């Protein structure tokens, strides 16, 4: 099965809480009293504890927002970290779907982005 983690990950049942953009923005790894979240296609994943998403980590650019477009384009540019992806090529949409599967096998789903239309 593709995208399976090397070590088994025990995940909590997915939550469907509505997470506002203001709260999501605080979950960028810089605030110790908040978890670290990355949203993909409107789904919020808890990446707390993964150093790659910490403020000095290579994937920090994705935290505290819906980074769907950047993930689809394999981009680390802050301006690409936005939720709009429906205008991308089928190839990029497939990459985004692959990232979604990858995250869903490794990180707990904490809810949905409030008002998300990019599901």
C-alpha atoms as a PDB file:
ATOM      1  CA  UNK A   1       0.000   0.000   0.000  1.00  0.00           C
ATOM      2  CA  UNK A   2       1.562   3.318  -0.988  1.00  0.00           C
ATOM      3  CA  UNK A   3       2.284   6.081   1.506  1.00  0.00           C
ATOM      4  CA  UNK A   4       2.253   3.741   4.503  1.00  0.00           C
ATOM      5  CA  UNK A   5       4.422   5.055   7.341  1.00  0.00           C
ATOM      6  CA  UNK A   6       7.540   3.027   8.167  1.00  0.00           C
ATOM      7  CA  UNK A   7       6.376   2.779  11.784  1.00  0.00           C
ATOM      8  CA  UNK A   8       2.762   2.065  12.666  1.00  0.00           C
ATOM      9  CA  UNK A   9       0.936   5.243  13.684  1.00  0.00           C
ATOM     10  CA  UNK A  10      -1.984   5.001  16.089  1.00  0.00           C
ATOM     11  CA  UNK A  11      -4.346   7.759  15.024  1.00  0.00           C
ATOM     12  CA  UNK A  12      -7.342   9.115  16.878  1.00  0.00           C
ATOM     13  CA  UNK A  13     -10.717   8.954  15.111  1.00  0.00           C
ATOM     14  CA  UNK A  14     -10.965  11.975  12.764  1.00  0.00           C
ATOM     15  CA  UNK A  15     -12.704  14.983  14.263  1.00  0.00           C
ATOM     16  CA  UNK A  16     -15.047  17.240  12.327  1.00  0.00           C
ATOM     17  CA  UNK A  17     -14.667  20.343  14.487  1.00  0.00           C
ATOM     18  CA  UNK A  18     -14.889  23.638  12.643  1.00  0.00           C
ATOM     19  CA  UNK A  19     -11.574  25.477  12.979  1.00  0.00           C
ATOM     20  CA  UNK A  20     -11.596  29.200  12.293  1.00  0.00           C
ATOM     21  CA  UNK A  21      -8.863  30.867  10.259  1.00  0.00           C
ATOM     22  CA  UNK A  22      -7.855  33.021  13.252  1.00  0.00           C
ATOM     23  CA  UNK A  23      -7.286  29.936  15.418  1.00  0.00           C
ATOM     24  CA  UNK A  24      -5.558  28.092  12.564  1.00  0.00           C
ATOM     25  CA  UNK A  25      -3.153  31.012  12.098  1.00  0.00           C
ATOM     26  CA  UNK A  26      -2.104  30.695  15.748  1.00  0.00           C
ATOM     27  CA  UNK A  27      -1.248  27.024  15.165  1.00  0.00           C
ATOM     28  CA  UNK A  28       1.922  27.852  13.238  1.00  0.00           C
ATOM     29  CA  UNK A  29       4.403  26.265  15.632  1.00  0.00           C
ATOM     30  CA  UNK A  30       5.512  29.596  17.077  1.00  0.00           C
ATOM     31  CA  UNK A  31       3.012  29.635  19.963  1.00  0.00           C
ATOM     32  CA  UNK A  32       3.858  26.981  22.572  1.00  0.00           C
ATOM     33  CA  UNK A  33       0.313  27.080  23.970  1.00  0.00           C
ATOM     34  CA  UNK A  34      -1.141  26.033  20.572  1.00  0.00           C
ATOM     35  CA  UNK A  35      -0.688  22.855  18.547  1.00  0.00           C
ATOM     36  CA  UNK A  36       0.947  22.959  15.108  1.00  0.00           C
ATOM     37  CA  UNK A  37      -1.560  22.476  12.288  1.00  0.00           C
ATOM     38  CA  UNK A  38      -1.394  22.152   8.508  1.00  0.00           C
ATOM     39  CA  UNK A  39      -4.603  22.164   6.470  1.00  0.00           C
ATOM     40  CA  UNK A  40      -4.953  20.358   3.142  1.00  0.00           C
ATOM     41  CA  UNK A  41      -8.116  20.607   1.065  1.00  0.00           C
ATOM     42  CA  UNK A  42      -9.907  22.118   4.055  1.00  0.00           C
ATOM     43  CA  UNK A  43      -8.938  19.285   6.431  1.00  0.00           C
ATOM     44  CA  UNK A  44      -6.807  20.227   9.449  1.00  0.00           C
ATOM     45  CA  UNK A  45      -3.965  17.884  10.439  1.00  0.00           C
ATOM     46  CA  UNK A  46      -2.054  18.080  13.734  1.00  0.00           C
ATOM     47  CA  UNK A  47       1.669  17.951  12.871  1.00  0.00           C
ATOM     48  CA  UNK A  48       2.792  18.908  16.402  1.00  0.00           C
ATOM     49  CA  UNK A  49       5.941  17.063  17.384  1.00  0.00           C
ATOM     50  CA  UNK A  50       7.321  16.768  13.850  1.00  0.00           C
ATOM     51  CA  UNK A  51      10.445  18.948  13.811  1.00  0.00           C
ATOM     52  CA  UNK A  52      10.052  19.576  10.069  1.00  0.00           C
ATOM     53  CA  UNK A  53       7.084  21.849  10.890  1.00  0.00           C
ATOM     54  CA  UNK A  54       8.762  23.727  13.758  1.00  0.00           C
ATOM     55  CA  UNK A  55       9.688  27.407  13.207  1.00  0.00           C
ATOM     56  CA  UNK A  56      13.167  26.425  11.994  1.00  0.00           C
ATOM     57  CA  UNK A  57      11.970  23.325  10.116  1.00  0.00           C
ATOM     58  CA  UNK A  58      12.004  22.919   6.363  1.00  0.00           C
ATOM     59  CA  UNK A  59       8.186  22.660   6.141  1.00  0.00           C
ATOM     60  CA  UNK A  60       7.276  25.452   8.558  1.00  0.00           C
ATOM     61  CA  UNK A  61       5.944  27.483   5.613  1.00  0.00           C
ATOM     62  CA  UNK A  62       2.900  25.166   5.508  1.00  0.00           C
ATOM     63  CA  UNK A  63       1.854  25.632   9.150  1.00  0.00           C
ATOM     64  CA  UNK A  64      -1.085  27.668  10.401  1.00  0.00           C
ATOM     65  CA  UNK A  65      -2.838  27.751   7.034  1.00  0.00           C
ATOM     66  CA  UNK A  66      -4.324  25.691   4.240  1.00  0.00           C
ATOM     67  CA  UNK A  67      -1.263  24.984   2.086  1.00  0.00           C
ATOM     68  CA  UNK A  68      -3.055  22.948  -0.604  1.00  0.00           C
ATOM     69  CA  UNK A  69      -1.738  24.869  -3.607  1.00  0.00           C
ATOM     70  CA  UNK A  70       1.885  24.783  -2.433  1.00  0.00           C
ATOM     71  CA  UNK A  71       1.728  21.055  -1.719  1.00  0.00           C
ATOM     72  CA  UNK A  72       0.143  20.365  -5.100  1.00  0.00           C
ATOM     73  CA  UNK A  73       2.931  22.299  -6.825  1.00  0.00           C
ATOM     74  CA  UNK A  74       5.707  20.969  -4.554  1.00  0.00           C
ATOM     75  CA  UNK A  75       6.457  24.595  -3.680  1.00  0.00           C
ATOM     76  CA  UNK A  76       7.982  26.009  -0.509  1.00  0.00           C
ATOM     77  CA  UNK A  77       7.112  29.591  -1.479  1.00  0.00           C
ATOM     78  CA  UNK A  78       4.944  31.344   1.150  1.00  0.00           C
ATOM     79  CA  UNK A  79       2.811  32.963  -1.571  1.00  0.00           C
ATOM     80  CA  UNK A  80       1.816  29.492  -2.828  1.00  0.00           C
ATOM     81  CA  UNK A  81       0.565  28.410   0.633  1.00  0.00           C
ATOM     82  CA  UNK A  82      -3.084  29.094  -0.009  1.00  0.00           C
ATOM     83  CA  UNK A  83      -6.218  26.986  -0.270  1.00  0.00           C
ATOM     84  CA  UNK A  84      -7.093  27.512  -3.950  1.00  0.00           C
ATOM     85  CA  UNK A  85      -6.138  24.532  -6.071  1.00  0.00           C
ATOM     86  CA  UNK A  86      -9.126  23.809  -8.348  1.00  0.00           C
ATOM     87  CA  UNK A  87      -7.511  25.627 -11.310  1.00  0.00           C
ATOM     88  CA  UNK A  88      -4.406  23.420 -11.243  1.00  0.00           C
ATOM     89  CA  UNK A  89      -3.545  20.733 -13.782  1.00  0.00           C
ATOM     90  CA  UNK A  90      -4.735  17.156 -13.260  1.00  0.00           C
ATOM     91  CA  UNK A  91      -1.113  16.230 -12.548  1.00  0.00           C
ATOM     92  CA  UNK A  92      -0.910  18.764  -9.721  1.00  0.00           C
ATOM     93  CA  UNK A  93      -4.294  17.645  -8.379  1.00  0.00           C
ATOM     94  CA  UNK A  94      -2.967  14.062  -8.233  1.00  0.00           C
ATOM     95  CA  UNK A  95       0.078  15.273  -6.266  1.00  0.00           C
ATOM     96  CA  UNK A  96      -2.262  17.069  -3.856  1.00  0.00           C
ATOM     97  CA  UNK A  97      -4.379  13.941  -3.422  1.00  0.00           C
ATOM     98  CA  UNK A  98      -1.193  11.960  -2.713  1.00  0.00           C
ATOM     99  CA  UNK A  99      -0.171  14.484  -0.027  1.00  0.00           C
ATOM    100  CA  UNK A 100      -3.631  14.247   1.516  1.00  0.00           C
ATOM    101  CA  UNK A 101      -3.310  10.445   1.743  1.00  0.00           C
ATOM    102  CA  UNK A 102       0.234  10.763   3.113  1.00  0.00           C
ATOM    103  CA  UNK A 103      -0.887  13.159   5.880  1.00  0.00           C
ATOM    104  CA  UNK A 104      -4.019  11.131   6.692  1.00  0.00           C
ATOM    105  CA  UNK A 105      -1.884   8.061   7.444  1.00  0.00           C
ATOM    106  CA  UNK A 106       0.451   9.969   9.788  1.00  0.00           C
ATOM    107  CA  UNK A 107      -1.360  12.834  11.508  1.00  0.00           C
ATOM    108  CA  UNK A 108      -4.574  13.184  13.479  1.00  0.00           C
ATOM    109  CA  UNK A 109      -7.379  15.030  11.733  1.00  0.00           C
ATOM    110  CA  UNK A 110      -8.562  17.804  14.041  1.00  0.00           C
ATOM    111  CA  UNK A 111     -11.377  19.221  11.922  1.00  0.00           C
ATOM    112  CA  UNK A 112     -12.285  21.323   8.922  1.00  0.00           C
ATOM    113  CA  UNK A 113     -11.345  24.898   8.098  1.00  0.00           C
ATOM    114  CA  UNK A 114     -14.319  27.194   8.679  1.00  0.00           C
ATOM    115  CA  UNK A 115     -15.898  28.149   5.369  1.00  0.00           C
ATOM    116  CA  UNK A 116     -13.569  25.949   3.347  1.00  0.00           C
ATOM    117  CA  UNK A 117     -14.753  25.563  -0.234  1.00  0.00           C
ATOM    118  CA  UNK A 118     -11.684  23.694  -1.492  1.00  0.00           C
ATOM    119  CA  UNK A 119     -12.689  20.240  -0.228  1.00  0.00           C
END
